[in-house]
N, C-alpha and C. Protein backbone atom coordinates (compact mmCIF):
# COMPACT_ATOMS: atom_id res chain seq x y z
N MET A 1 0.84 -1.18 0.00
CA MET A 1 0.00 0.00 0.00
C MET A 1 0.89 1.24 0.00
N GLN A 2 0.54 2.19 -0.85
CA GLN A 2 1.35 3.40 -0.98
C GLN A 2 0.67 4.56 -0.26
N GLU A 3 1.45 5.30 0.52
CA GLU A 3 0.93 6.46 1.23
C GLU A 3 0.96 7.69 0.33
N ALA A 4 0.01 8.58 0.55
CA ALA A 4 -0.02 9.84 -0.20
C ALA A 4 1.04 10.79 0.35
N GLN A 5 1.71 11.46 -0.54
CA GLN A 5 2.73 12.43 -0.17
C GLN A 5 2.50 13.70 -0.98
N ARG A 6 2.81 14.82 -0.37
CA ARG A 6 2.70 16.08 -1.11
C ARG A 6 3.63 17.12 -0.50
N LEU A 7 3.95 18.10 -1.29
CA LEU A 7 4.81 19.20 -0.89
C LEU A 7 4.00 20.49 -1.02
N GLU A 8 3.92 21.24 0.07
CA GLU A 8 3.17 22.50 0.07
C GLU A 8 4.13 23.67 0.20
N PHE A 9 3.89 24.69 -0.61
CA PHE A 9 4.70 25.90 -0.59
C PHE A 9 3.77 27.08 -0.37
N ARG A 10 4.11 27.95 0.59
CA ARG A 10 3.26 29.08 0.92
C ARG A 10 4.09 30.35 0.97
N VAL A 11 3.52 31.43 0.44
CA VAL A 11 4.15 32.74 0.47
C VAL A 11 3.13 33.73 1.04
N GLU A 12 3.56 34.52 2.03
CA GLU A 12 2.73 35.59 2.57
C GLU A 12 3.51 36.88 2.49
N ALA A 13 2.85 37.94 2.08
CA ALA A 13 3.52 39.24 1.95
C ALA A 13 2.61 40.33 2.50
N PHE A 14 3.21 41.25 3.23
CA PHE A 14 2.50 42.38 3.81
C PHE A 14 3.21 43.66 3.40
N ASN A 15 2.45 44.68 3.04
CA ASN A 15 2.98 45.96 2.58
C ASN A 15 3.95 45.73 1.41
N VAL A 16 3.46 45.07 0.39
CA VAL A 16 4.28 44.69 -0.76
C VAL A 16 4.88 45.91 -1.45
N THR A 17 4.14 47.00 -1.53
CA THR A 17 4.64 48.20 -2.20
C THR A 17 5.61 49.00 -1.34
N ASN A 18 5.78 48.58 -0.10
CA ASN A 18 6.70 49.22 0.85
C ASN A 18 6.38 50.71 1.03
N SER A 19 5.09 51.03 1.07
CA SER A 19 4.66 52.41 1.28
C SER A 19 4.60 52.72 2.78
N THR A 20 4.73 53.97 3.12
CA THR A 20 4.74 54.39 4.52
C THR A 20 3.32 54.36 5.07
N ARG A 21 3.17 53.70 6.21
CA ARG A 21 1.89 53.66 6.91
C ARG A 21 2.14 54.20 8.31
N PHE A 22 1.61 55.37 8.59
CA PHE A 22 1.85 56.03 9.87
C PHE A 22 0.95 55.46 10.95
N ARG A 23 1.46 55.47 12.18
CA ARG A 23 0.66 55.09 13.34
C ARG A 23 -0.15 56.29 13.80
N SER A 24 -0.99 56.08 14.78
CA SER A 24 -1.83 57.16 15.30
C SER A 24 -0.98 58.23 15.97
N PRO A 25 -1.43 59.48 15.94
CA PRO A 25 -0.68 60.54 16.62
C PRO A 25 -0.74 60.39 18.14
N GLY A 26 0.21 61.03 18.83
CA GLY A 26 0.24 61.00 20.29
C GLY A 26 -1.00 61.64 20.88
N LEU A 27 -1.64 60.98 21.84
CA LEU A 27 -2.89 61.47 22.43
C LEU A 27 -2.75 61.82 23.90
N ASN A 28 -1.54 61.79 24.43
CA ASN A 28 -1.32 62.07 25.85
C ASN A 28 -1.24 63.58 26.06
N LEU A 29 -2.23 64.16 26.73
CA LEU A 29 -2.26 65.61 26.97
C LEU A 29 -1.14 66.07 27.89
N ASN A 30 -0.62 65.17 28.74
CA ASN A 30 0.43 65.54 29.68
C ASN A 30 1.79 65.68 28.99
N SER A 31 1.92 65.15 27.80
CA SER A 31 3.17 65.23 27.05
C SER A 31 2.99 66.23 25.91
N LEU A 32 3.16 67.50 26.20
CA LEU A 32 2.91 68.54 25.22
C LEU A 32 3.92 68.53 24.07
N ASN A 33 5.09 67.93 24.28
CA ASN A 33 6.10 67.88 23.22
C ASN A 33 5.69 66.96 22.06
N THR A 34 4.93 65.91 22.36
CA THR A 34 4.56 64.95 21.31
C THR A 34 3.06 64.87 21.08
N PHE A 35 2.25 65.66 21.76
CA PHE A 35 0.80 65.60 21.58
C PHE A 35 0.43 65.99 20.15
N GLY A 36 -0.30 65.11 19.49
CA GLY A 36 -0.75 65.36 18.13
C GLY A 36 0.28 65.09 17.06
N LEU A 37 1.49 64.67 17.43
CA LEU A 37 2.53 64.38 16.45
C LEU A 37 2.59 62.89 16.13
N ILE A 38 2.88 62.58 14.90
CA ILE A 38 3.09 61.19 14.49
C ILE A 38 4.58 60.92 14.56
N THR A 39 4.97 60.05 15.47
CA THR A 39 6.39 59.80 15.70
C THR A 39 6.82 58.39 15.30
N GLN A 40 5.87 57.54 14.84
CA GLN A 40 6.21 56.17 14.48
C GLN A 40 5.46 55.76 13.23
N SER A 41 5.95 54.72 12.58
CA SER A 41 5.26 54.14 11.43
C SER A 41 5.18 52.63 11.62
N GLU A 42 4.32 52.01 10.83
CA GLU A 42 4.18 50.55 10.88
C GLU A 42 5.40 49.89 10.24
N ASP A 43 5.46 48.58 10.32
CA ASP A 43 6.59 47.82 9.76
C ASP A 43 6.70 48.02 8.26
N ALA A 44 7.91 47.92 7.77
CA ALA A 44 8.16 47.99 6.33
C ALA A 44 7.73 46.67 5.69
N ARG A 45 8.14 46.43 4.48
CA ARG A 45 7.76 45.22 3.75
C ARG A 45 8.16 43.98 4.55
N VAL A 46 7.21 43.05 4.63
CA VAL A 46 7.45 41.78 5.33
C VAL A 46 7.04 40.65 4.40
N MET A 47 7.94 39.69 4.20
CA MET A 47 7.62 38.52 3.37
C MET A 47 7.98 37.27 4.15
N GLN A 48 7.15 36.24 3.99
CA GLN A 48 7.36 35.00 4.72
C GLN A 48 7.17 33.83 3.76
N PHE A 49 8.08 32.88 3.79
CA PHE A 49 8.02 31.71 2.93
C PHE A 49 7.97 30.46 3.80
N ALA A 50 7.19 29.48 3.37
CA ALA A 50 7.10 28.23 4.13
C ALA A 50 7.05 27.06 3.16
N LEU A 51 7.67 25.97 3.55
CA LEU A 51 7.69 24.74 2.78
C LEU A 51 7.35 23.59 3.73
N LYS A 52 6.37 22.79 3.34
CA LYS A 52 5.91 21.70 4.22
C LYS A 52 5.80 20.41 3.41
N TYR A 53 6.36 19.36 3.96
CA TYR A 53 6.30 18.03 3.36
C TYR A 53 5.32 17.19 4.18
N VAL A 54 4.27 16.74 3.54
CA VAL A 54 3.24 15.97 4.23
C VAL A 54 3.31 14.53 3.73
N PHE A 55 3.41 13.59 4.67
CA PHE A 55 3.43 12.16 4.30
C PHE A 55 2.60 11.35 5.25
């Protein structure tokens, strides 16, 4: 009897165009130096590859 075997390949990509995505502005009223300013951005391009052998 022969068992089924297969190879799976997966690719996931986020922010493929590598465009800037800003985070929310500072909302802390006690910090007047950064209140209302955008000081951070989201992650740059992220790609993930996976290979799985199923038997």
